Structure formats: structure tokens, C-alpha cells
Amino acid sequence: MANQIEITMLPGECWYGLAADRGTSMPLDESSVFSLDITYNPTNNQVSPVLFSSKGRYIYSDKGFALKAEGGVITVSGPAPILTGKEGDNLREVFLTIAKRCFPSDGIVPPKEFFAVPQYNTWIELIYDQNQADILRYAHGIIDNGYPAGVFMIDDNWQRDYGCWEFRAERFPDPKAMMDELHALGFRVMMWICPYISADSEEFRYLRGKNLLAKSKDGEISLHKWWNGFSATIDLMNPEAVDWFRGRMQYLQDTYGVDGFKLDAGDAFYYRNDRSEHNPEADANDYCVKWAELGLSFAYNEYRACFSCQGKPLVQRLCDKSHAWGANGMATLVPNTLTQGIMGYAYTCPDMIGGGSYSFFLAENLKEILDEELVVRYAQCAALMPMMQFSAAPWRVLSAENAEICQKMAMLHTKYGDYILSLAAHAAETGEPAARYMEYEFSGEGMEKICDQFMLGDKVLVAPVFVKGQTERAVVLPKGRWQYCDGTVYEGGTTVTVPAPLSVLPYFE
């Protein structure tokens, strides 16, 4: 690499950032052994070549880099200049300074429905069997079971083919009527799309003839292996190709009244072999950025994989989580959300409640193996995050008692909706995340490594339960007086243990 720096960590110094799905490895300190190369993003979540320290120091680059931490030394190497220095004395001060300088917010807030009320996605509920009748049944179930209407996402396999963004007639006999009915119920409707083009489709032949498909190094059409098979992609470096794709999205809006799009499969590692005559120097991360920029044309958008797109009104979801307590499960939600925020991705969603990794939900004996306690605790964890997204219908998969708890968590999120909206508006001006590390808000109180509780803004402390069967929760309270959700007032500056039966999300004001 042309550029390399080494930073010796200070005693007690902690570093945060780099990659959302490495949040469980953060913060880095003198004891850390860690490495990650984001020269092209190898993860399936957000990354950015930026880290901030609890002592007010930073590392930043415009391009991806390789980072290694070992023996109290951070080594960073990359193709572009790597900036480092000190701006302030703590995590908050350095973040606000560098965010304003390097990835300033553009002042635009995503639509209020993302924040003020829960979201609903048809993926786990229907998986690949997306169809008009069941979509409407799910939507009516939301309202009938006491949930507020909000953003409603129709997921993969509604379309005739990848790249042919038209409803499948055998599954959607009257998509305009379906859209009108969803709108009448109060929903804003988003459709799942991806940049792929099925290789034996009419669209493929058209785009190939127009030279609008990405090519590989040998000049042939680049066929990407992804989770749904092998497909070509539009050449995201070619403005004509992007205009064609945007036109198909606009067609869905004009014809059916679609409100926006879930833009999936922008993972940089799928583009690492692509070359474009429009920008021969573009790397895999650049293609990911172009896919993200396409979403800026539509106020209702959602992404899962992004590179250095902070400061933009783009909704960022955590990658699909397992139906599990530990690895890639619920325990990752808070640390990975906090990492999203400290990188500058302020508009974050902690994946679908219960987990968005669909293979578990295919089990024929789902009712017997589903962990209802996990679903409830997951709903509680999401309830006081910036966004909250349901998929598997609680009233279908849970007991009546546990389904009622999930509904109450949805209403708790709605209760704090105006406050969360105010944090989103603040983020649009400053970049400051809504979900914040304890260290971010309370520097100097020994909270550098607390990653299982968080602050929602500067007002609400949230400490979800992450252990199966646990009915109380130890919480580190900052200095001051804190009121627990049951009304009990505690003096801060210490650790307290509070009751947390399954019906209770521990949180304080």
C-alpha cells in the first residue's frame, strides 16, 4: 500500500468505528488483537474508513484501508492518504469535529414513518412466497392486532425476474388495488429490488445490446454469484444504465403508487471483478457507493451494505440476524448499532424482530422450536432504538401473552416517536447518532467498554436483557438521578440491579 501509519495506543484509550458487523469487537484497546481489510468491504453491512478514540484522536481516509491492532499498536495502510490527529479530549468532541469536516450531514431527514412508528417487512412472514392475498392478510393483521400503521416492505420474489421489475401476474392479480388497499390502511409501501439482471431474461438481452451491463477484466459480461444464483448487474458507473434502472423504479411509483424501495444486495465483494469503461479506476467500494446514491432519488429507501455514505438520508439496517441469543443473534444488536452510529450512519434499524435469517423459519416444526422468549426480548431491544422492524407476525408465532408484550413494545416505540424524530432531525444537522455509546455521553466515568446498554439521545438509558431466563438486569448508571421504568428513582455513579421479568424492558430517564 502507498500509505501507512502506525498509532501507539495511549493507556486506557479505546477506539470505535470501521465496520458495523465488527461492533462486537469494539472498542479496540491495548489488549486487542484485531484485523480487517476494507480496501473492498468484505462484510455484508456498513463500513467506513474511520475510527474515533475515547481520548479525542481519529483515523480517517477517503478510500478503504487495511487495519491491524496488536500489541497496543494500530497499523493502517491503504491506497489513499490516511489522516490522523487529535480533535478534542473525548469521543463526542472528536466525532462532531470530524463528522462536520469529512462527512457533513446534508440536512435532509428520512420520512417520519421510519422513526415514529414500527416498520413491517414481509420477508420472514412469507419468504419467497410473496403474493397479494397473503400480503393483504398480513397488513390487516397488523391493524387488527393493535399495531400502528407505518412503513410496509414487500420483499424478494414479487417481481417477474431480477431486472424485470413488474409484478408476477399469477401472484398479484391486481397490484394497483393491493397498493391502494395498503395505503387506505395507512401504510407507506416499499418494494425490494437489487442491481441484478437475470441472465436469460429479456432485460438482459436489451441491456447487453445497449452495453449497459457490468463487465469483467476480460471484457465479457460479469456474472455475479450471489445468494440467489448467478446474475449480471447494471453498470453502476454508466449514467445511462443508472438512468434506465431509475426509470424502472419510477415506473413502479407512477403505475402502482409505490412509495419507495428496499435496495438490497449492494455488497461490495460482489463487484470486486467488475470493470467499467466509464470509470476504469473504480473499485468495488465505488460500485457500492453508486448503488447507495441511486436511493437518494427516493425518500423511502433502505440499505444493508454501504461504504462511506454517512451524512445522507439513507436508512441503514443491520445485516440479517440469526434466531439466536449469541453469535450473529440478539447479542450483536446493541454493539453493532452503536458502531453504525459512531461511523456516522445515524438512521439505523436493528434487523427484523426475531431475526431476518430466513432458513430457521423454514422448519416444519417452527411452533415447537421457536424461542418465544427470544422474540420478546428482541422486540424489547428494538423498541427504543431509532427504528423498529417486525416481520414474523407475533400474533401468529407467539402465545397470546407474549404477542401482547410485543404489541406493547410497538406502542412504547410509538410513545417515544416524537423524541426519536427530534434526534433524527438533530442528526440531519450534526451527524450525531440517536443510539449512542455510554462513553459518548458520559466521558470520564469509566464507561469506555460498556456495549450492552446504550443511550437514546441524552435522555433515555436502555439496558435490554440478552440472556435467556434472566429476570433482573445489572445496569451501570452515570452520575445523577435516574428514574427506572417502574418509577423507582436511583442515585447514579454506581451499578444497580433492577427487576426485569419477561414483560419488562429495562430503561431509565
Protein backbone atom coordinates (compact mmCIF):
# COMPACT_ATOMS: atom_id res chain seq x y z
CA MET A 1 0.00 0.00 0.00
CA ALA A 2 1.19 3.50 -0.81
CA ASN A 3 0.21 4.99 2.53
CA GLN A 4 0.79 3.56 6.00
CA ILE A 5 0.67 4.88 9.54
CA GLU A 6 1.20 3.43 12.99
CA ILE A 7 -0.51 4.71 16.12
CA THR A 8 0.52 3.66 19.59
CA MET A 9 -2.49 3.45 21.86
CA LEU A 10 -2.48 5.54 25.00
CA PRO A 11 -3.08 3.91 28.40
CA GLY A 12 -6.82 3.35 28.77
CA GLU A 13 -7.56 4.55 25.25
CA CYS A 14 -10.39 2.89 23.32
CA TRP A 15 -11.11 3.08 19.58
CA TYR A 16 -14.51 2.76 17.86
CA GLY A 17 -15.76 2.50 14.27
CA LEU A 18 -14.73 0.86 10.98
CA ALA A 19 -17.38 -1.84 10.39
CA ALA A 20 -20.91 -2.39 11.70
CA ASP A 21 -20.75 -6.15 11.89
CA ARG A 22 -17.48 -5.99 13.81
CA GLY A 23 -19.16 -3.98 16.55
CA THR A 24 -18.84 -6.91 18.93
CA SER A 25 -15.03 -6.50 18.66
CA MET A 26 -15.19 -2.82 19.61
CA PRO A 27 -13.73 -0.91 21.23
CA LEU A 28 -10.14 -1.68 20.35
CA ASP A 29 -7.69 -1.16 23.19
CA GLU A 30 -4.14 -2.12 24.17
CA SER A 31 -5.13 -5.77 24.64
CA SER A 32 -6.93 -6.15 21.28
CA VAL A 33 -5.82 -8.48 18.53
CA PHE A 34 -7.88 -7.48 15.51
CA SER A 35 -7.56 -7.09 11.74
CA LEU A 36 -9.88 -6.14 8.92
CA ASP A 37 -9.19 -5.09 5.34
CA ILE A 38 -11.92 -2.86 3.89
CA THR A 39 -9.95 -1.96 0.75
CA TYR A 40 -13.09 -3.50 -0.60
CA ASN A 41 -15.75 -4.19 2.01
CA PRO A 42 -15.71 -7.95 2.75
CA THR A 43 -18.66 -7.68 5.16
CA ASN A 44 -22.35 -7.56 4.31
CA ASN A 45 -23.04 -4.45 6.34
CA GLN A 46 -21.94 -0.82 6.53
CA VAL A 47 -18.26 0.13 6.69
CA SER A 48 -16.33 3.36 6.63
CA PRO A 49 -12.57 4.02 6.91
CA VAL A 50 -12.92 5.99 10.12
CA LEU A 51 -12.20 5.34 13.81
CA PHE A 52 -12.51 7.60 16.84
CA SER A 53 -10.87 7.27 20.24
CA SER A 54 -12.02 7.99 23.76
CA LYS A 55 -9.03 10.35 24.04
CA GLY A 56 -10.16 12.56 21.14
CA ARG A 57 -7.98 11.05 18.41
CA TYR A 58 -9.11 9.86 14.96
CA ILE A 59 -8.13 7.88 11.86
CA TYR A 60 -9.77 8.72 8.54
CA SER A 61 -9.34 8.13 4.82
CA ASP A 62 -11.39 8.70 1.67
CA LYS A 63 -10.68 5.16 0.48
CA GLY A 64 -10.83 1.75 2.10
CA PHE A 65 -7.79 0.56 4.04
CA ALA A 66 -6.41 -2.41 5.91
CA LEU A 67 -6.24 -2.11 9.68
CA LYS A 68 -4.46 -4.25 12.24
CA ALA A 69 -4.39 -3.80 16.02
CA GLU A 70 -1.95 -5.81 18.12
CA GLY A 71 0.42 -5.17 20.98
CA GLY A 72 -1.10 -1.76 21.65
CA VAL A 73 -0.32 -0.53 18.12
CA ILE A 74 -2.78 0.23 15.32
CA THR A 75 -1.33 -0.13 11.82
CA VAL A 76 -3.29 1.24 8.88
CA SER A 77 -2.33 1.00 5.20
CA GLY A 78 -4.27 1.99 2.12
CA PRO A 79 -4.19 3.48 -1.40
CA ALA A 80 -5.23 6.99 -0.30
CA PRO A 81 -3.78 9.39 2.28
CA ILE A 82 -4.63 8.40 5.84
CA LEU A 83 -5.37 11.27 8.19
CA THR A 84 -4.88 11.14 11.92
CA GLY A 85 -4.73 13.62 14.74
CA LYS A 86 -6.47 14.87 17.85
CA GLU A 87 -9.65 16.96 17.94
CA GLY A 88 -10.89 17.43 21.46
CA ASP A 89 -10.47 15.34 24.59
CA ASN A 90 -13.18 12.70 24.25
CA LEU A 91 -15.26 10.59 21.89
CA ARG A 92 -18.03 13.10 21.36
CA GLU A 93 -15.77 16.06 20.66
CA VAL A 94 -13.68 14.25 18.06
CA PHE A 95 -16.73 12.71 16.38
CA LEU A 96 -18.55 16.02 15.97
CA THR A 97 -15.45 17.77 14.59
CA ILE A 98 -14.50 15.08 12.07
CA ALA A 99 -18.10 14.42 11.03
CA LYS A 100 -18.51 18.09 10.16
CA ARG A 101 -15.20 18.16 8.30
CA CYS A 102 -15.16 14.80 6.49
CA PHE A 103 -18.77 13.63 6.08
CA PRO A 104 -21.07 16.58 6.81
CA SER A 105 -24.79 15.94 7.03
CA ASP A 106 -26.92 17.37 4.25
CA GLY A 107 -29.82 18.49 6.45
CA ILE A 108 -32.35 16.06 4.97
CA VAL A 109 -34.25 13.75 7.34
CA PRO A 110 -35.75 10.46 6.08
CA PRO A 111 -39.58 10.36 6.31
CA LYS A 112 -41.05 10.38 9.79
CA GLU A 113 -42.70 6.94 9.44
CA PHE A 114 -39.28 5.28 9.71
CA PHE A 115 -38.82 6.64 13.23
CA ALA A 116 -42.16 7.46 14.81
CA VAL A 117 -43.84 4.07 14.38
CA PRO A 118 -42.70 0.47 13.80
CA GLN A 119 -41.92 -0.89 10.33
CA TYR A 120 -43.17 -4.17 8.85
CA ASN A 121 -41.45 -6.43 6.33
CA THR A 122 -42.97 -9.44 4.57
CA TRP A 123 -39.70 -11.40 4.28
CA ILE A 124 -39.89 -13.80 7.23
CA GLU A 125 -43.67 -13.85 7.14
CA LEU A 126 -43.79 -15.04 3.50
CA ILE A 127 -40.13 -15.65 2.49
CA TYR A 128 -40.14 -16.37 -1.29
CA ASP A 129 -43.92 -16.80 -1.44
CA GLN A 130 -44.75 -13.12 -1.82
CA ASN A 131 -48.33 -12.80 -3.07
CA GLN A 132 -51.18 -10.33 -2.99
CA ALA A 133 -53.60 -12.29 -0.80
CA ASP A 134 -51.11 -13.06 1.97
CA ILE A 135 -49.61 -9.57 1.90
CA LEU A 136 -53.03 -8.07 2.48
CA ARG A 137 -53.77 -10.65 5.18
CA TYR A 138 -50.54 -9.66 6.97
CA ALA A 139 -51.30 -5.94 6.65
CA HIS A 140 -54.81 -6.34 8.05
CA GLY A 141 -53.40 -8.49 10.85
CA ILE A 142 -51.12 -5.64 11.86
CA ILE A 143 -54.03 -3.26 12.28
CA ASP A 144 -56.42 -5.84 13.75
CA ASN A 145 -53.88 -6.74 16.44
CA GLY A 146 -53.45 -3.17 17.65
CA TYR A 147 -50.24 -2.16 15.88
CA PRO A 148 -49.94 1.28 14.28
CA ALA A 149 -49.58 1.53 10.51
CA GLY A 150 -46.11 2.50 9.27
CA VAL A 151 -43.64 1.62 6.56
CA PHE A 152 -44.59 -1.69 4.89
CA MET A 153 -41.94 -3.52 2.85
CA ILE A 154 -42.77 -6.17 0.24
CA ASP A 155 -39.69 -8.37 -0.11
CA ASP A 156 -37.99 -10.54 -2.73
CA ASN A 157 -39.88 -12.61 -5.34
CA TRP A 158 -42.76 -10.25 -6.03
CA GLN A 159 -41.12 -9.49 -9.40
CA ARG A 160 -41.22 -11.45 -12.67
CA ASP A 161 -37.42 -11.63 -12.82
CA TYR A 162 -34.35 -9.86 -11.47
CA GLY A 163 -34.20 -6.72 -13.56
CA CYS A 164 -37.81 -7.14 -14.70
CA TRP A 165 -39.47 -5.02 -12.06
CA GLU A 166 -43.04 -5.96 -12.82
CA PHE A 167 -45.43 -7.85 -10.55
CA ARG A 168 -45.87 -11.57 -11.20
CA ALA A 169 -49.38 -11.80 -12.60
CA GLU A 170 -50.07 -15.26 -11.18
CA ARG A 171 -49.37 -14.00 -7.66
CA PHE A 172 -50.60 -10.40 -7.96
CA PRO A 173 -53.87 -10.31 -9.94
CA ASP A 174 -54.38 -6.58 -9.26
CA PRO A 175 -51.27 -4.93 -7.78
CA LYS A 176 -52.71 -1.42 -8.06
CA ALA A 177 -55.74 -2.43 -5.99
CA MET A 178 -53.40 -4.04 -3.45
CA MET A 179 -51.36 -0.85 -3.21
CA ASP A 180 -54.49 1.25 -2.83
CA GLU A 181 -55.72 -1.01 -0.02
CA LEU A 182 -52.38 -0.83 1.80
CA HIS A 183 -52.43 2.95 1.52
CA ALA A 184 -56.02 3.05 2.79
CA LEU A 185 -54.87 1.14 5.87
CA GLY A 186 -52.29 3.89 6.48
CA PHE A 187 -49.12 2.20 5.24
CA ARG A 188 -46.29 3.58 3.14
CA VAL A 189 -45.24 0.78 0.78
CA MET A 190 -41.69 -0.09 -0.25
CA MET A 191 -40.62 -2.78 -2.72
CA TRP A 192 -37.49 -4.95 -2.57
CA ILE A 193 -35.10 -4.51 -5.50
CA CYS A 194 -31.47 -5.40 -6.30
CA PRO A 195 -28.98 -4.37 -9.02
CA TYR A 196 -29.03 -7.83 -10.64
CA ILE A 197 -30.32 -8.85 -14.05
CA SER A 198 -31.36 -12.46 -14.66
CA ALA A 199 -29.02 -13.75 -17.33
CA ASP A 200 -31.64 -15.34 -19.60
CA SER A 201 -34.18 -12.54 -19.42
CA GLU A 202 -35.46 -10.08 -21.99
CA GLU A 203 -33.97 -7.27 -19.89
CA PHE A 204 -30.55 -8.92 -20.04
CA ARG A 205 -30.65 -9.07 -23.83
CA TYR A 206 -31.78 -5.45 -24.06
CA LEU A 207 -29.14 -4.14 -21.67
CA ARG A 208 -26.40 -6.23 -23.25
CA GLY A 209 -27.28 -4.75 -26.65
CA LYS A 210 -27.08 -1.25 -25.20
CA ASN A 211 -23.74 -2.02 -23.46
CA LEU A 212 -25.27 -1.20 -20.07
CA LEU A 213 -24.13 -4.28 -18.14
CA ALA A 214 -21.02 -4.52 -15.97
CA LYS A 215 -18.09 -6.40 -17.49
CA SER A 216 -15.17 -8.33 -16.05
CA LYS A 217 -11.47 -7.81 -16.73
CA ASP A 218 -11.63 -9.86 -19.93
CA GLY A 219 -14.35 -7.64 -21.39
CA GLU A 220 -17.13 -10.22 -21.08
CA ILE A 221 -20.40 -9.66 -19.21
CA SER A 222 -19.68 -10.11 -15.49
CA LEU A 223 -21.87 -12.83 -13.97
CA HIS A 224 -22.06 -12.48 -10.21
CA LYS A 225 -22.56 -15.42 -7.91
CA TRP A 226 -24.86 -14.25 -5.15
CA TRP A 227 -27.28 -15.84 -2.70
CA ASN A 228 -30.00 -16.30 -5.35
CA GLY A 229 -27.79 -17.75 -8.09
CA PHE A 230 -25.86 -16.17 -10.97
CA SER A 231 -26.84 -12.82 -12.46
CA ALA A 232 -25.45 -9.90 -14.40
CA THR A 233 -25.57 -6.38 -12.97
CA ILE A 234 -26.19 -2.98 -14.45
CA ASP A 235 -23.00 -0.95 -14.94
CA LEU A 236 -23.37 1.38 -11.99
CA MET A 237 -20.58 3.59 -13.37
CA ASN A 238 -22.56 4.23 -16.55
CA PRO A 239 -25.06 7.10 -16.13
CA GLU A 240 -27.23 5.71 -18.93
CA ALA A 241 -27.51 2.35 -17.13
CA VAL A 242 -28.38 4.05 -13.85
CA ASP A 243 -30.99 6.17 -15.62
CA TRP A 244 -32.56 3.03 -17.09
CA PHE A 245 -32.76 1.42 -13.64
CA ARG A 246 -34.11 4.58 -12.02
CA GLY A 247 -36.72 4.71 -14.78
CA ARG A 248 -37.95 1.24 -13.85
CA MET A 249 -38.28 2.35 -10.24
CA GLN A 250 -40.14 5.47 -11.30
CA TYR A 251 -42.45 3.28 -13.40
CA LEU A 252 -43.46 1.39 -10.25
CA GLN A 253 -44.21 4.65 -8.49
CA ASP A 254 -46.18 6.12 -11.39
CA THR A 255 -48.10 2.95 -12.26
CA TYR A 256 -48.86 1.44 -8.87
CA GLY A 257 -48.20 4.17 -6.30
CA VAL A 258 -45.14 2.51 -4.75
CA ASP A 259 -43.66 4.86 -2.14
CA GLY A 260 -40.05 3.67 -2.11
CA PHE A 261 -37.56 0.83 -2.23
CA LYS A 262 -35.54 -1.58 -0.15
CA LEU A 263 -32.31 -1.56 -2.19
CA ASP A 264 -30.61 -4.84 -1.32
CA ALA A 265 -27.51 -6.74 -2.49
CA GLY A 266 -25.16 -3.78 -2.81
CA ASP A 267 -22.36 -5.73 -1.11
CA ALA A 268 -19.01 -4.53 -2.42
CA PHE A 269 -17.49 -8.02 -2.62
CA TYR A 270 -19.87 -8.91 -5.45
CA TYR A 271 -18.31 -6.13 -7.57
CA ARG A 272 -14.64 -6.89 -6.99
CA ASN A 273 -14.19 -8.30 -10.53
CA ASP A 274 -16.20 -5.59 -12.33
CA ARG A 275 -14.64 -3.09 -14.69
CA SER A 276 -16.32 -0.16 -16.44
CA GLU A 277 -15.12 1.82 -19.42
CA HIS A 278 -16.83 4.83 -17.84
CA ASN A 279 -14.53 4.68 -14.82
CA PRO A 280 -11.75 2.10 -15.24
CA GLU A 281 -10.24 3.07 -11.87
CA ALA A 282 -13.43 2.40 -9.90
CA ASP A 283 -13.03 -0.20 -7.17
CA ALA A 284 -15.62 -2.47 -5.56
CA ASN A 285 -16.44 0.09 -2.88
CA ASP A 286 -17.14 2.70 -5.56
CA TYR A 287 -19.82 0.45 -7.08
CA CYS A 288 -21.39 0.11 -3.63
CA VAL A 289 -21.44 3.90 -3.31
CA LYS A 290 -23.16 4.29 -6.69
CA TRP A 291 -25.87 1.82 -5.64
CA ALA A 292 -26.41 3.88 -2.49
CA GLU A 293 -26.59 7.13 -4.43
CA LEU A 294 -29.42 5.68 -6.51
CA GLY A 295 -31.54 5.54 -3.37
CA LEU A 296 -31.19 9.27 -2.82
CA SER A 297 -33.76 9.77 -5.60
CA PHE A 298 -36.42 8.19 -3.36
CA ALA A 299 -37.24 9.43 0.13
CA TYR A 300 -38.34 5.96 1.26
CA ASN A 301 -35.25 3.78 1.00
CA GLU A 302 -33.39 1.14 2.97
CA TYR A 303 -29.86 -0.30 2.70
CA ARG A 304 -27.91 -3.07 4.36
CA ALA A 305 -24.45 -2.70 2.75
CA CYS A 306 -22.85 0.72 2.35
CA PHE A 307 -19.42 2.29 2.09
CA SER A 308 -18.79 5.84 3.33
CA CYS A 309 -22.32 7.12 2.78
CA GLN A 310 -22.64 8.97 6.06
CA GLY A 311 -24.50 12.26 6.22
CA LYS A 312 -27.06 11.13 3.62
CA PRO A 313 -30.78 10.46 4.21
CA LEU A 314 -30.29 6.71 3.73
CA VAL A 315 -31.88 4.21 6.11
CA GLN A 316 -29.32 1.61 7.21
CA ARG A 317 -30.36 -1.81 8.51
CA LEU A 318 -28.16 -4.29 10.32
CA CYS A 319 -27.50 -7.44 8.31
CA ASP A 320 -29.77 -10.46 8.69
CA LYS A 321 -29.55 -11.84 12.22
CA SER A 322 -29.94 -15.43 13.33
CA HIS A 323 -32.79 -16.57 15.55
CA ALA A 324 -30.29 -16.90 18.40
CA TRP A 325 -29.17 -15.21 21.59
CA GLY A 326 -25.43 -15.16 20.88
CA ALA A 327 -23.29 -15.23 17.73
CA ASN A 328 -24.91 -13.22 14.92
CA GLY A 329 -28.04 -13.09 17.06
CA MET A 330 -29.63 -10.73 19.50
CA ALA A 331 -26.43 -10.07 21.48
CA THR A 332 -24.98 -8.27 18.43
CA LEU A 333 -27.79 -5.72 18.10
CA VAL A 334 -26.57 -3.07 20.54
CA PRO A 335 -22.80 -3.17 19.83
CA ASN A 336 -23.32 -3.24 16.07
CA THR A 337 -25.91 -0.45 16.16
CA LEU A 338 -23.56 1.65 18.25
CA THR A 339 -20.79 1.06 15.72
CA GLN A 340 -23.08 2.15 12.89
CA GLY A 341 -23.73 5.38 14.75
CA ILE A 342 -20.13 6.22 15.63
CA MET A 343 -19.18 5.73 11.95
CA GLY A 344 -21.75 8.40 11.07
CA TYR A 345 -24.68 6.24 9.95
CA ALA A 346 -27.35 7.89 12.06
CA TYR A 347 -30.57 6.40 10.62
CA THR A 348 -30.28 2.81 11.77
CA CYS A 349 -32.55 -0.23 12.09
CA PRO A 350 -31.61 -3.38 14.08
CA ASP A 351 -32.92 -6.01 11.57
CA MET A 352 -36.25 -7.82 11.80
CA ILE A 353 -37.54 -8.82 15.23
CA GLY A 354 -36.71 -12.45 15.91
CA GLY A 355 -34.00 -12.45 13.23
CA GLY A 356 -34.06 -11.93 9.48
CA SER A 357 -32.02 -15.02 8.56
CA TYR A 358 -34.82 -16.96 6.91
CA SER A 359 -33.57 -20.58 6.90
CA PHE A 360 -34.57 -21.13 10.54
CA PHE A 361 -38.14 -20.13 9.79
CA LEU A 362 -38.50 -22.81 7.12
CA ALA A 363 -38.65 -25.57 9.74
CA GLU A 364 -41.85 -27.62 9.57
CA ASN A 365 -42.00 -27.75 13.37
CA LEU A 366 -41.45 -24.00 13.79
CA LYS A 367 -44.05 -23.68 16.55
CA GLU A 368 -42.16 -26.23 18.64
CA ILE A 369 -38.63 -24.88 18.15
CA LEU A 370 -39.29 -21.13 18.06
CA ASP A 371 -37.86 -19.41 21.14
CA GLU A 372 -40.70 -17.11 22.19
CA GLU A 373 -38.63 -15.54 24.93
CA LEU A 374 -36.02 -14.56 22.35
CA VAL A 375 -38.63 -12.90 20.12
CA VAL A 376 -39.99 -10.91 23.06
CA ARG A 377 -36.54 -9.77 24.21
CA TYR A 378 -35.66 -8.90 20.62
CA ALA A 379 -38.77 -6.71 20.37
CA GLN A 380 -37.79 -5.02 23.62
CA CYS A 381 -34.24 -4.39 22.40
CA ALA A 382 -35.58 -2.74 19.24
CA ALA A 383 -38.34 -0.77 20.93
CA LEU A 384 -36.13 2.16 21.99
CA MET A 385 -33.74 2.09 19.06
CA PRO A 386 -34.08 4.68 16.27
CA MET A 387 -36.16 2.20 14.25
CA MET A 388 -38.10 -0.98 14.94
CA GLN A 389 -38.99 -3.57 12.30
CA PHE A 390 -41.33 -6.56 12.55
CA SER A 391 -41.60 -9.42 10.08
CA ALA A 392 -42.77 -12.74 11.57
CA ALA A 393 -46.21 -11.82 12.90
CA PRO A 394 -46.14 -12.03 16.71
CA TRP A 395 -49.87 -12.88 16.80
CA ARG A 396 -49.18 -15.88 14.54
CA VAL A 397 -45.99 -17.34 16.03
CA LEU A 398 -46.30 -16.45 19.73
CA SER A 399 -48.64 -17.23 22.57
CA ALA A 400 -51.30 -14.62 23.24
CA GLU A 401 -49.42 -13.43 26.34
CA ASN A 402 -46.09 -12.99 24.54
CA ALA A 403 -47.73 -11.46 21.48
CA GLU A 404 -49.28 -8.86 23.77
CA ILE A 405 -45.84 -7.93 25.13
CA CYS A 406 -44.59 -7.36 21.57
CA GLN A 407 -47.59 -5.16 20.84
CA LYS A 408 -46.85 -3.12 23.97
CA MET A 409 -43.24 -2.70 22.81
CA ALA A 410 -44.53 -1.38 19.48
CA MET A 411 -46.60 1.15 21.39
CA LEU A 412 -43.62 2.06 23.59
CA HIS A 413 -41.67 2.89 20.43
CA THR A 414 -44.62 4.99 19.26
CA LYS A 415 -44.76 6.74 22.64
CA TYR A 416 -41.17 7.90 22.12
CA GLY A 417 -41.75 8.60 18.43
CA ASP A 418 -41.61 12.39 18.69
CA TYR A 419 -38.41 12.21 20.72
CA ILE A 420 -36.80 9.84 18.21
CA LEU A 421 -37.90 12.14 15.39
CA SER A 422 -36.19 15.06 17.14
CA LEU A 423 -32.98 13.02 17.34
CA ALA A 424 -33.22 12.23 13.62
CA ALA A 425 -33.65 15.93 12.84
CA HIS A 426 -30.64 16.69 15.02
CA ALA A 427 -28.62 14.04 13.16
CA ALA A 428 -29.52 15.67 9.85
CA GLU A 429 -27.76 18.81 11.07
CA THR A 430 -24.82 17.40 13.05
CA GLY A 431 -24.45 13.72 12.15
CA GLU A 432 -24.82 12.86 15.83
CA PRO A 433 -26.33 9.37 16.19
CA ALA A 434 -29.57 8.70 18.04
CA ALA A 435 -28.27 5.47 19.63
CA ARG A 436 -25.06 6.37 21.47
CA TYR A 437 -22.29 4.68 23.39
CA MET A 438 -22.38 5.34 27.13
CA GLU A 439 -18.83 6.67 26.72
CA TYR A 440 -20.07 9.15 24.11
CA GLU A 441 -22.46 10.76 26.58
CA PHE A 442 -20.54 10.25 29.83
CA SER A 443 -16.83 10.64 29.19
CA GLY A 444 -14.59 10.26 32.21
CA GLU A 445 -16.97 7.96 34.13
CA GLY A 446 -15.27 4.68 33.21
CA MET A 447 -17.80 3.64 30.57
CA GLU A 448 -15.45 3.06 27.64
CA LYS A 449 -16.20 -0.66 27.32
CA ILE A 450 -19.92 -0.74 28.07
CA CYS A 451 -21.55 -2.06 24.90
CA ASP A 452 -24.61 -3.91 26.22
CA GLN A 453 -26.55 -0.79 27.17
CA PHE A 454 -26.92 2.49 25.29
CA MET A 455 -28.27 5.99 25.37
CA LEU A 456 -31.16 7.03 23.15
CA GLY A 457 -30.08 10.61 22.72
CA ASP A 458 -29.08 12.25 26.00
CA LYS A 459 -32.32 11.42 27.83
CA VAL A 460 -33.05 7.68 27.86
CA LEU A 461 -30.75 4.89 29.05
CA VAL A 462 -31.70 1.47 27.63
CA ALA A 463 -30.39 -1.83 29.03
CA PRO A 464 -32.05 -4.79 27.26
CA VAL A 465 -31.88 -8.35 28.60
CA PHE A 466 -29.68 -10.60 26.43
CA VAL A 467 -29.60 -13.81 28.50
CA LYS A 468 -32.27 -16.48 28.28
CA GLY A 469 -34.14 -16.94 31.54
CA GLN A 470 -32.73 -13.80 33.15
CA THR A 471 -35.27 -11.81 35.16
CA GLU A 472 -33.10 -8.99 36.51
CA ARG A 473 -30.50 -6.76 34.95
CA ALA A 474 -27.34 -5.08 36.26
CA VAL A 475 -27.10 -1.55 34.86
CA VAL A 476 -24.24 0.92 35.11
CA LEU A 477 -25.81 4.29 35.91
CA PRO A 478 -23.93 7.53 35.20
CA LYS A 479 -23.81 10.21 37.84
CA GLY A 480 -27.09 11.93 38.61
CA ARG A 481 -30.59 10.74 39.48
CA TRP A 482 -32.24 8.16 37.23
CA GLN A 483 -35.86 7.06 37.18
CA TYR A 484 -36.48 3.42 36.27
CA CYS A 485 -39.42 2.43 34.06
CA ASP A 486 -41.34 1.29 37.16
CA GLY A 487 -40.98 4.76 38.73
CA THR A 488 -38.18 3.91 41.19
CA VAL A 489 -35.52 6.61 41.43
CA TYR A 490 -31.85 5.60 41.72
CA GLU A 491 -28.74 7.60 42.51
CA GLY A 492 -26.20 7.21 39.71
CA GLY A 493 -22.46 6.79 39.72
CA THR A 494 -22.79 3.09 40.52
CA THR A 495 -24.13 -0.24 39.25
CA VAL A 496 -27.68 -1.16 40.21
CA THR A 497 -29.63 -4.36 39.74
CA VAL A 498 -33.21 -3.86 38.62
CA PRO A 499 -36.14 -6.27 38.14
CA ALA A 500 -36.56 -7.39 34.52
CA PRO A 501 -39.23 -10.06 34.15
CA LEU A 502 -40.07 -11.08 30.60
CA SER A 503 -42.71 -8.36 30.35
CA VAL A 504 -40.23 -5.56 31.14
CA LEU A 505 -37.64 -3.72 29.04
CA PRO A 506 -35.22 -2.09 31.49
CA TYR A 507 -34.84 1.60 30.72
CA PHE A 508 -34.29 4.82 32.66
CA GLU A 509 -34.76 8.53 32.18
